Amino acid sequence: MVPWLSMHENLLLPHLLNPKIRAPKDETLRGLLNRLALAENHLSLRPHEVSEGTRHRFALARALLFDQPFLFLDEVFTGLDEPTADLIAKALRDHVTGTRATCLLISHDLFRAREVSDVLAVLMGNRTLSIMPPGATDEQLHRKLNEALQQLVQEEIGAHTGGSQ
């Protein structure tokens, strides 16, 4: 969020920076604000005048407002209370399903990421530890992560002991 702009101006920033990008219709904006539980009276406020959760929801609203075919979202659930994170997850899932946009979601919240993802890849450093298919259960996710971490630990022990254990 740009601190000297109102929340409304922050929402419209892509259009303000590039007028070739069409401004959203008022009803589209109001519908998105409603889905993300954002009050219209927040539109005139500056980012420092709203809570962190409200800023997160406005940032997501800006990302969703212009119907881009590709979304790159980094840690959208970080620092949020459970109800707000659930609200964002539902709005994101509904948007991606409705628009068929491709979304790359970076998150440390594996279980919430799984809720909104078609495929979940767990990365560590430059390695892919695990790839989970759609519809994986919590138990499957735990088991797959434990197996991947056990393998990683065994490889690290082997690297430090010259292969003998």
N, C-alpha and C. Protein backbone atom coordinates (compact mmCIF):
# COMPACT_ATOMS: atom_id res chain seq x y z
N MET A 1 0.83 -1.17 0.00
CA MET A 1 0.00 0.00 0.00
C MET A 1 0.89 1.25 0.00
N VAL A 2 0.53 2.20 -0.83
CA VAL A 2 1.25 3.47 -0.88
C VAL A 2 0.72 4.33 0.25
N PRO A 3 1.58 4.72 1.22
CA PRO A 3 1.09 5.34 2.45
C PRO A 3 0.38 6.68 2.28
N TRP A 4 0.71 7.44 1.27
CA TRP A 4 0.08 8.77 1.12
C TRP A 4 -1.18 8.74 0.27
N LEU A 5 -1.55 7.58 -0.24
CA LEU A 5 -2.78 7.45 -1.01
C LEU A 5 -3.89 6.91 -0.11
N SER A 6 -5.12 7.27 -0.44
CA SER A 6 -6.26 6.70 0.28
C SER A 6 -6.37 5.22 -0.10
N MET A 7 -7.15 4.48 0.66
CA MET A 7 -7.35 3.07 0.34
C MET A 7 -8.01 2.93 -1.03
N HIS A 8 -8.91 3.85 -1.37
CA HIS A 8 -9.56 3.83 -2.68
C HIS A 8 -8.53 4.04 -3.79
N GLU A 9 -7.65 5.02 -3.60
CA GLU A 9 -6.60 5.26 -4.60
C GLU A 9 -5.65 4.07 -4.69
N ASN A 10 -5.37 3.44 -3.56
CA ASN A 10 -4.52 2.24 -3.58
C ASN A 10 -5.19 1.12 -4.36
N LEU A 11 -6.50 0.97 -4.22
CA LEU A 11 -7.21 -0.05 -4.99
C LEU A 11 -7.10 0.20 -6.49
N LEU A 12 -7.18 1.47 -6.87
CA LEU A 12 -7.17 1.83 -8.29
C LEU A 12 -5.77 2.09 -8.83
N LEU A 13 -4.75 1.83 -8.06
CA LEU A 13 -3.37 2.15 -8.45
C LEU A 13 -2.99 1.62 -9.83
N PRO A 14 -3.31 0.38 -10.19
CA PRO A 14 -2.95 -0.06 -11.55
C PRO A 14 -3.53 0.85 -12.63
N HIS A 15 -4.78 1.28 -12.45
CA HIS A 15 -5.41 2.19 -13.42
C HIS A 15 -4.77 3.58 -13.36
N LEU A 16 -4.46 4.05 -12.15
CA LEU A 16 -3.86 5.38 -12.02
C LEU A 16 -2.47 5.43 -12.66
N LEU A 17 -1.73 4.33 -12.56
CA LEU A 17 -0.40 4.28 -13.16
C LEU A 17 -0.45 4.06 -14.68
N ASN A 18 -1.48 3.37 -15.13
CA ASN A 18 -1.61 3.09 -16.55
C ASN A 18 -3.08 3.23 -16.95
N PRO A 19 -3.48 4.40 -17.44
CA PRO A 19 -4.89 4.63 -17.79
C PRO A 19 -5.43 3.69 -18.86
N LYS A 20 -4.57 2.95 -19.55
CA LYS A 20 -5.05 1.96 -20.52
C LYS A 20 -5.73 0.80 -19.81
N ILE A 21 -5.38 0.61 -18.54
CA ILE A 21 -6.07 -0.40 -17.73
C ILE A 21 -7.39 0.22 -17.28
N ARG A 22 -8.47 -0.40 -17.69
CA ARG A 22 -9.79 0.14 -17.41
C ARG A 22 -10.10 0.12 -15.91
N ALA A 23 -10.64 1.23 -15.42
CA ALA A 23 -11.07 1.29 -14.02
C ALA A 23 -12.26 0.36 -13.84
N PRO A 24 -12.35 -0.32 -12.71
CA PRO A 24 -13.48 -1.22 -12.49
C PRO A 24 -14.78 -0.44 -12.31
N LYS A 25 -15.87 -1.09 -12.64
CA LYS A 25 -17.19 -0.49 -12.43
C LYS A 25 -17.46 -0.41 -10.93
N ASP A 26 -18.27 0.58 -10.54
CA ASP A 26 -18.59 0.75 -9.12
C ASP A 26 -19.20 -0.50 -8.50
N GLU A 27 -20.09 -1.17 -9.24
CA GLU A 27 -20.74 -2.36 -8.67
C GLU A 27 -19.74 -3.51 -8.51
N THR A 28 -18.74 -3.57 -9.39
CA THR A 28 -17.69 -4.58 -9.25
C THR A 28 -16.88 -4.31 -7.99
N LEU A 29 -16.52 -3.05 -7.79
CA LEU A 29 -15.77 -2.66 -6.61
C LEU A 29 -16.56 -2.93 -5.34
N ARG A 30 -17.82 -2.54 -5.32
CA ARG A 30 -18.65 -2.77 -4.13
C ARG A 30 -18.82 -4.27 -3.83
N GLY A 31 -19.01 -5.07 -4.88
CA GLY A 31 -19.15 -6.51 -4.69
C GLY A 31 -17.90 -7.13 -4.09
N LEU A 32 -16.73 -6.70 -4.56
CA LEU A 32 -15.48 -7.21 -4.03
C LEU A 32 -15.27 -6.76 -2.58
N LEU A 33 -15.57 -5.50 -2.30
CA LEU A 33 -15.46 -5.02 -0.91
C LEU A 33 -16.36 -5.85 0.00
N ASN A 34 -17.55 -6.15 -0.46
CA ASN A 34 -18.49 -6.96 0.33
C ASN A 34 -17.95 -8.37 0.57
N ARG A 35 -17.42 -9.01 -0.48
CA ARG A 35 -16.87 -10.37 -0.33
C ARG A 35 -15.70 -10.42 0.64
N LEU A 36 -14.95 -9.33 0.73
CA LEU A 36 -13.79 -9.30 1.63
C LEU A 36 -14.10 -8.59 2.95
N ALA A 37 -15.38 -8.34 3.21
CA ALA A 37 -15.83 -7.69 4.45
C ALA A 37 -15.10 -6.38 4.69
N LEU A 38 -15.00 -5.57 3.64
CA LEU A 38 -14.36 -4.25 3.74
C LEU A 38 -15.45 -3.19 3.68
N ALA A 39 -15.44 -2.27 4.64
CA ALA A 39 -16.44 -1.21 4.71
C ALA A 39 -16.09 -0.10 3.72
N GLU A 40 -17.12 0.42 3.05
CA GLU A 40 -16.89 1.52 2.10
C GLU A 40 -16.32 2.76 2.79
N ASN A 41 -16.62 2.95 4.09
CA ASN A 41 -16.08 4.13 4.77
C ASN A 41 -14.57 4.04 4.97
N HIS A 42 -13.96 2.86 4.72
CA HIS A 42 -12.50 2.73 4.77
C HIS A 42 -11.84 3.30 3.52
N LEU A 43 -12.61 3.47 2.45
CA LEU A 43 -12.02 3.91 1.18
C LEU A 43 -11.33 5.26 1.28
N SER A 44 -11.80 6.13 2.15
CA SER A 44 -11.20 7.46 2.26
C SER A 44 -10.00 7.50 3.22
N LEU A 45 -9.77 6.40 3.95
CA LEU A 45 -8.68 6.36 4.93
C LEU A 45 -7.35 6.05 4.27
N ARG A 46 -6.27 6.37 4.97
CA ARG A 46 -4.92 6.05 4.54
C ARG A 46 -4.53 4.71 5.16
N PRO A 47 -3.55 4.02 4.58
CA PRO A 47 -3.18 2.69 5.10
C PRO A 47 -2.85 2.66 6.60
N HIS A 48 -2.21 3.70 7.12
CA HIS A 48 -1.85 3.68 8.55
C HIS A 48 -3.07 3.84 9.46
N GLU A 49 -4.23 4.17 8.88
CA GLU A 49 -5.44 4.38 9.66
C GLU A 49 -6.31 3.13 9.76
N VAL A 50 -5.88 2.05 9.14
CA VAL A 50 -6.64 0.80 9.20
C VAL A 50 -5.76 -0.31 9.77
N SER A 51 -6.36 -1.39 10.19
CA SER A 51 -5.62 -2.50 10.79
C SER A 51 -4.82 -3.26 9.73
N GLU A 52 -3.90 -4.09 10.21
CA GLU A 52 -3.10 -4.91 9.30
C GLU A 52 -3.98 -5.85 8.48
N GLY A 53 -4.97 -6.44 9.13
CA GLY A 53 -5.88 -7.34 8.43
C GLY A 53 -6.65 -6.61 7.34
N THR A 54 -7.06 -5.38 7.61
CA THR A 54 -7.77 -4.59 6.61
C THR A 54 -6.84 -4.25 5.45
N ARG A 55 -5.60 -3.91 5.75
CA ARG A 55 -4.62 -3.64 4.67
C ARG A 55 -4.42 -4.89 3.82
N HIS A 56 -4.31 -6.06 4.45
CA HIS A 56 -4.17 -7.32 3.71
C HIS A 56 -5.36 -7.52 2.77
N ARG A 57 -6.55 -7.29 3.28
CA ARG A 57 -7.75 -7.50 2.46
C ARG A 57 -7.82 -6.49 1.32
N PHE A 58 -7.41 -5.24 1.57
CA PHE A 58 -7.38 -4.25 0.49
C PHE A 58 -6.33 -4.63 -0.56
N ALA A 59 -5.19 -5.13 -0.11
CA ALA A 59 -4.15 -5.53 -1.07
C ALA A 59 -4.65 -6.69 -1.94
N LEU A 60 -5.33 -7.64 -1.33
CA LEU A 60 -5.90 -8.74 -2.11
C LEU A 60 -6.98 -8.22 -3.06
N ALA A 61 -7.81 -7.29 -2.56
CA ALA A 61 -8.84 -6.71 -3.42
C ALA A 61 -8.22 -6.06 -4.64
N ARG A 62 -7.12 -5.35 -4.46
CA ARG A 62 -6.45 -4.71 -5.61
C ARG A 62 -5.97 -5.78 -6.59
N ALA A 63 -5.44 -6.87 -6.08
CA ALA A 63 -4.95 -7.94 -6.96
C ALA A 63 -6.10 -8.58 -7.73
N LEU A 64 -7.27 -8.71 -7.11
CA LEU A 64 -8.39 -9.38 -7.73
C LEU A 64 -9.24 -8.46 -8.61
N LEU A 65 -9.17 -7.17 -8.36
CA LEU A 65 -10.07 -6.21 -8.99
C LEU A 65 -9.91 -6.11 -10.49
N PHE A 66 -8.73 -6.35 -11.00
CA PHE A 66 -8.48 -6.11 -12.41
C PHE A 66 -8.46 -7.39 -13.25
N ASP A 67 -8.91 -8.50 -12.67
CA ASP A 67 -9.07 -9.77 -13.40
C ASP A 67 -7.86 -10.13 -14.25
N GLN A 68 -6.71 -10.17 -13.63
CA GLN A 68 -5.50 -10.56 -14.33
C GLN A 68 -5.48 -12.08 -14.51
N PRO A 69 -4.90 -12.57 -15.60
CA PRO A 69 -4.88 -14.02 -15.83
C PRO A 69 -3.88 -14.75 -14.94
N PHE A 70 -2.95 -14.00 -14.32
CA PHE A 70 -1.95 -14.62 -13.46
C PHE A 70 -1.82 -13.79 -12.19
N LEU A 71 -1.91 -14.45 -11.04
CA LEU A 71 -1.74 -13.79 -9.75
C LEU A 71 -0.52 -14.38 -9.05
N PHE A 72 0.33 -13.53 -8.53
CA PHE A 72 1.45 -13.95 -7.71
C PHE A 72 1.22 -13.37 -6.34
N LEU A 73 0.95 -14.23 -5.36
CA LEU A 73 0.60 -13.79 -4.01
C LEU A 73 1.60 -14.33 -3.01
N ASP A 74 2.19 -13.44 -2.24
CA ASP A 74 3.23 -13.81 -1.29
C ASP A 74 2.74 -13.59 0.14
N GLU A 75 2.58 -14.68 0.88
CA GLU A 75 2.24 -14.66 2.30
C GLU A 75 0.97 -13.86 2.60
N VAL A 76 -0.10 -14.14 1.87
CA VAL A 76 -1.35 -13.40 2.08
C VAL A 76 -2.02 -13.73 3.41
N PHE A 77 -1.63 -14.84 4.05
CA PHE A 77 -2.27 -15.24 5.31
C PHE A 77 -1.44 -14.85 6.54
N THR A 78 -0.23 -14.37 6.35
CA THR A 78 0.67 -14.07 7.46
C THR A 78 0.14 -12.94 8.33
N GLY A 79 0.16 -13.16 9.64
CA GLY A 79 -0.22 -12.13 10.61
C GLY A 79 -1.71 -11.90 10.73
N LEU A 80 -2.52 -12.77 10.16
CA LEU A 80 -3.96 -12.57 10.22
C LEU A 80 -4.60 -13.49 11.25
N ASP A 81 -5.69 -13.03 11.84
CA ASP A 81 -6.44 -13.91 12.73
C ASP A 81 -7.17 -14.95 11.87
N GLU A 82 -7.60 -16.03 12.49
CA GLU A 82 -8.20 -17.15 11.76
C GLU A 82 -9.41 -16.74 10.92
N PRO A 83 -10.37 -15.98 11.46
CA PRO A 83 -11.52 -15.62 10.63
C PRO A 83 -11.14 -14.79 9.40
N THR A 84 -10.18 -13.88 9.56
CA THR A 84 -9.76 -13.06 8.42
C THR A 84 -9.02 -13.91 7.40
N ALA A 85 -8.15 -14.80 7.85
CA ALA A 85 -7.44 -15.69 6.93
C ALA A 85 -8.42 -16.61 6.20
N ASP A 86 -9.44 -17.11 6.91
CA ASP A 86 -10.46 -17.94 6.27
C ASP A 86 -11.23 -17.16 5.21
N LEU A 87 -11.55 -15.91 5.52
CA LEU A 87 -12.27 -15.05 4.58
C LEU A 87 -11.44 -14.83 3.32
N ILE A 88 -10.16 -14.54 3.49
CA ILE A 88 -9.27 -14.32 2.35
C ILE A 88 -9.13 -15.60 1.53
N ALA A 89 -8.99 -16.73 2.21
CA ALA A 89 -8.85 -18.01 1.49
C ALA A 89 -10.08 -18.28 0.65
N LYS A 90 -11.27 -18.06 1.21
CA LYS A 90 -12.51 -18.29 0.45
C LYS A 90 -12.61 -17.34 -0.74
N ALA A 91 -12.33 -16.06 -0.53
CA ALA A 91 -12.41 -15.08 -1.62
C ALA A 91 -11.42 -15.43 -2.73
N LEU A 92 -10.23 -15.84 -2.34
CA LEU A 92 -9.21 -16.21 -3.32
C LEU A 92 -9.63 -17.46 -4.10
N ARG A 93 -10.10 -18.47 -3.39
CA ARG A 93 -10.55 -19.70 -4.03
C ARG A 93 -11.71 -19.42 -4.99
N ASP A 94 -12.67 -18.63 -4.55
CA ASP A 94 -13.82 -18.29 -5.40
C ASP A 94 -13.38 -17.52 -6.64
N HIS A 95 -12.46 -16.58 -6.47
CA HIS A 95 -12.00 -15.78 -7.61
C HIS A 95 -11.27 -16.64 -8.63
N VAL A 96 -10.34 -17.44 -8.16
CA VAL A 96 -9.56 -18.27 -9.08
C VAL A 96 -10.46 -19.28 -9.79
N THR A 97 -11.41 -19.84 -9.06
CA THR A 97 -12.35 -20.78 -9.68
C THR A 97 -13.22 -20.07 -10.71
N GLY A 98 -13.70 -18.89 -10.35
CA GLY A 98 -14.60 -18.16 -11.24
C GLY A 98 -13.93 -17.58 -12.47
N THR A 99 -12.69 -17.15 -12.34
CA THR A 99 -12.00 -16.51 -13.47
C THR A 99 -11.05 -17.45 -14.19
N ARG A 100 -10.77 -18.60 -13.57
CA ARG A 100 -9.81 -19.58 -14.10
C ARG A 100 -8.41 -18.98 -14.20
N ALA A 101 -8.12 -17.99 -13.33
CA ALA A 101 -6.79 -17.39 -13.29
C ALA A 101 -5.80 -18.40 -12.72
N THR A 102 -4.57 -18.27 -13.13
CA THR A 102 -3.49 -19.05 -12.55
C THR A 102 -2.94 -18.28 -11.37
N CYS A 103 -2.75 -18.95 -10.26
CA CYS A 103 -2.29 -18.27 -9.05
C CYS A 103 -1.10 -19.03 -8.47
N LEU A 104 0.00 -18.32 -8.28
CA LEU A 104 1.15 -18.86 -7.57
C LEU A 104 1.10 -18.25 -6.18
N LEU A 105 0.86 -19.09 -5.19
CA LEU A 105 0.69 -18.66 -3.81
C LEU A 105 1.88 -19.13 -2.99
N ILE A 106 2.58 -18.19 -2.41
CA ILE A 106 3.71 -18.50 -1.52
C ILE A 106 3.18 -18.37 -0.09
N SER A 107 3.35 -19.42 0.71
CA SER A 107 2.81 -19.38 2.07
C SER A 107 3.55 -20.36 2.97
N HIS A 108 3.68 -19.99 4.24
CA HIS A 108 4.17 -20.91 5.26
C HIS A 108 3.00 -21.68 5.89
N ASP A 109 1.78 -21.27 5.58
CA ASP A 109 0.58 -21.92 6.11
C ASP A 109 0.16 -23.01 5.13
N LEU A 110 0.77 -24.19 5.26
CA LEU A 110 0.55 -25.27 4.30
C LEU A 110 -0.90 -25.74 4.25
N PHE A 111 -1.55 -25.78 5.39
CA PHE A 111 -2.91 -26.31 5.41
C PHE A 111 -3.88 -25.33 4.75
N ARG A 112 -3.71 -24.04 4.99
CA ARG A 112 -4.57 -23.07 4.32
C ARG A 112 -4.22 -23.00 2.84
N ALA A 113 -2.94 -23.08 2.49
CA ALA A 113 -2.54 -23.08 1.08
C ALA A 113 -3.16 -24.26 0.36
N ARG A 114 -3.19 -25.41 1.03
CA ARG A 114 -3.80 -26.59 0.43
C ARG A 114 -5.28 -26.37 0.15
N GLU A 115 -5.95 -25.62 1.03
CA GLU A 115 -7.38 -25.35 0.86
C GLU A 115 -7.68 -24.59 -0.43
N VAL A 116 -6.75 -23.75 -0.86
CA VAL A 116 -7.02 -22.90 -2.02
C VAL A 116 -6.27 -23.35 -3.27
N SER A 117 -5.55 -24.45 -3.17
CA SER A 117 -4.67 -24.87 -4.27
C SER A 117 -5.19 -26.09 -5.00
N ASP A 118 -4.85 -26.17 -6.27
CA ASP A 118 -5.06 -27.40 -7.03
C ASP A 118 -3.90 -28.35 -6.78
N VAL A 119 -2.70 -27.81 -6.72
CA VAL A 119 -1.50 -28.59 -6.46
C VAL A 119 -0.67 -27.84 -5.43
N LEU A 120 -0.12 -28.56 -4.48
CA LEU A 120 0.69 -27.97 -3.43
C LEU A 120 2.10 -28.53 -3.54
N ALA A 121 3.08 -27.67 -3.75
CA ALA A 121 4.48 -28.09 -3.79
C ALA A 121 5.17 -27.51 -2.57
N VAL A 122 5.87 -28.35 -1.83
CA VAL A 122 6.61 -27.92 -0.65
C VAL A 122 8.07 -27.81 -1.06
N LEU A 123 8.61 -26.60 -0.91
CA LEU A 123 9.98 -26.31 -1.31
C LEU A 123 10.83 -26.02 -0.09
N MET A 124 12.10 -26.43 -0.16
CA MET A 124 13.06 -26.08 0.88
C MET A 124 14.37 -25.79 0.16
N GLY A 125 14.84 -24.56 0.30
CA GLY A 125 16.04 -24.18 -0.43
C GLY A 125 15.75 -24.27 -1.92
N ASN A 126 16.58 -25.00 -2.61
CA ASN A 126 16.38 -25.15 -4.06
C ASN A 126 15.79 -26.52 -4.40
N ARG A 127 15.16 -27.17 -3.43
CA ARG A 127 14.62 -28.52 -3.64
C ARG A 127 13.11 -28.55 -3.46
N THR A 128 12.48 -29.39 -4.23
CA THR A 128 11.07 -29.70 -4.04
C THR A 128 11.00 -30.92 -3.15
N LEU A 129 10.47 -30.74 -1.94
CA LEU A 129 10.38 -31.86 -1.00
C LEU A 129 9.18 -32.74 -1.27
N SER A 130 8.09 -32.12 -1.69
CA SER A 130 6.86 -32.89 -1.82
C SER A 130 5.89 -32.16 -2.73
N ILE A 131 5.13 -32.93 -3.48
CA ILE A 131 4.06 -32.36 -4.28
C ILE A 131 2.79 -33.11 -3.90
N MET A 132 1.79 -32.35 -3.48
CA MET A 132 0.52 -32.94 -3.05
C MET A 132 -0.53 -32.73 -4.12
N PRO A 133 -1.29 -33.77 -4.45
CA PRO A 133 -2.35 -33.64 -5.44
C PRO A 133 -3.58 -32.94 -4.85
N PRO A 134 -4.51 -32.53 -5.70
CA PRO A 134 -5.74 -31.92 -5.20
C PRO A 134 -6.48 -32.86 -4.25
N GLY A 135 -7.11 -32.27 -3.24
CA GLY A 135 -7.94 -33.04 -2.33
C GLY A 135 -7.19 -33.83 -1.27
N ALA A 136 -5.89 -33.59 -1.11
CA ALA A 136 -5.13 -34.31 -0.09
C ALA A 136 -5.67 -33.97 1.30
N THR A 137 -5.75 -34.98 2.16
CA THR A 137 -6.24 -34.77 3.52
C THR A 137 -5.10 -34.26 4.41
N ASP A 138 -5.47 -33.79 5.61
CA ASP A 138 -4.45 -33.37 6.57
C ASP A 138 -3.49 -34.52 6.88
N GLU A 139 -4.05 -35.73 7.04
CA GLU A 139 -3.22 -36.89 7.35
C GLU A 139 -2.23 -37.17 6.22
N GLN A 140 -2.69 -37.10 4.98
CA GLN A 140 -1.80 -37.33 3.84
C GLN A 140 -0.71 -36.26 3.78
N LEU A 141 -1.10 -35.02 4.04
CA LEU A 141 -0.12 -33.93 4.03
C LEU A 141 0.92 -34.14 5.12
N HIS A 142 0.50 -34.47 6.33
CA HIS A 142 1.44 -34.74 7.43
C HIS A 142 2.39 -35.88 7.06
N ARG A 143 1.82 -37.00 6.57
CA ARG A 143 2.64 -38.17 6.24
C ARG A 143 3.67 -37.83 5.15
N LYS A 144 3.22 -37.16 4.09
CA LYS A 144 4.12 -36.83 2.99
C LYS A 144 5.23 -35.87 3.44
N LEU A 145 4.88 -34.90 4.25
CA LEU A 145 5.89 -33.96 4.76
C LEU A 145 6.87 -34.67 5.68
N ASN A 146 6.37 -35.55 6.56
CA ASN A 146 7.27 -36.30 7.44
C ASN A 146 8.23 -37.17 6.64
N GLU A 147 7.73 -37.84 5.61
CA GLU A 147 8.60 -38.67 4.76
C GLU A 147 9.67 -37.82 4.08
N ALA A 148 9.27 -36.67 3.55
CA ALA A 148 10.22 -35.79 2.86
C ALA A 148 11.27 -35.26 3.82
N LEU A 149 10.85 -34.87 5.03
CA LEU A 149 11.80 -34.36 6.02
C LEU A 149 12.74 -35.45 6.52
N GLN A 150 12.22 -36.67 6.70
CA GLN A 150 13.09 -37.77 7.10
C GLN A 150 14.15 -38.03 6.04
N GLN A 151 13.76 -38.01 4.78
CA GLN A 151 14.72 -38.20 3.70
C GLN A 151 15.77 -37.08 3.70
N LEU A 152 15.32 -35.86 3.90
CA LEU A 152 16.25 -34.72 3.92
C LEU A 152 17.24 -34.85 5.07
N VAL A 153 16.75 -35.24 6.25
CA VAL A 153 17.62 -35.42 7.42
C VAL A 153 18.63 -36.53 7.14
N GLN A 154 18.18 -37.66 6.57
CA GLN A 154 19.08 -38.77 6.25
C GLN A 154 20.16 -38.32 5.27
N GLU A 155 19.79 -37.55 4.27
CA GLU A 155 20.76 -37.05 3.30
C GLU A 155 21.78 -36.13 3.97
N GLU A 156 21.32 -35.28 4.86
CA GLU A 156 22.23 -34.35 5.56
C GLU A 156 23.18 -35.12 6.48
N ILE A 157 22.65 -36.12 7.18
CA ILE A 157 23.51 -36.95 8.04
C ILE A 157 24.55 -37.66 7.19
N GLY A 158 24.10 -38.22 6.06
CA GLY A 158 25.02 -38.90 5.14
C GLY A 158 26.09 -37.96 4.61
N ALA A 159 25.73 -36.74 4.29
CA ALA A 159 26.69 -35.77 3.77
C ALA A 159 27.74 -35.40 4.81
N HIS A 160 27.36 -35.42 6.08
CA HIS A 160 28.28 -35.01 7.14
C HIS A 160 29.07 -36.17 7.72
N THR A 161 28.64 -37.40 7.42
CA THR A 161 29.36 -38.57 7.96
C THR A 161 30.05 -39.36 6.85
N GLY A 162 30.04 -38.80 5.65
CA GLY A 162 30.68 -39.49 4.54
C GLY A 162 29.87 -40.67 4.03
N GLY A 163 28.56 -40.65 4.30
CA GLY A 163 27.70 -41.71 3.78
C GLY A 163 27.44 -42.82 4.78
N SER A 164 28.22 -42.95 5.86
CA SER A 164 27.96 -43.99 6.85
C SER A 164 27.17 -43.42 8.00
N GLN A 165 26.32 -44.27 8.57
CA GLN A 165 25.48 -43.79 9.68
C GLN A 165 25.61 -44.68 10.87
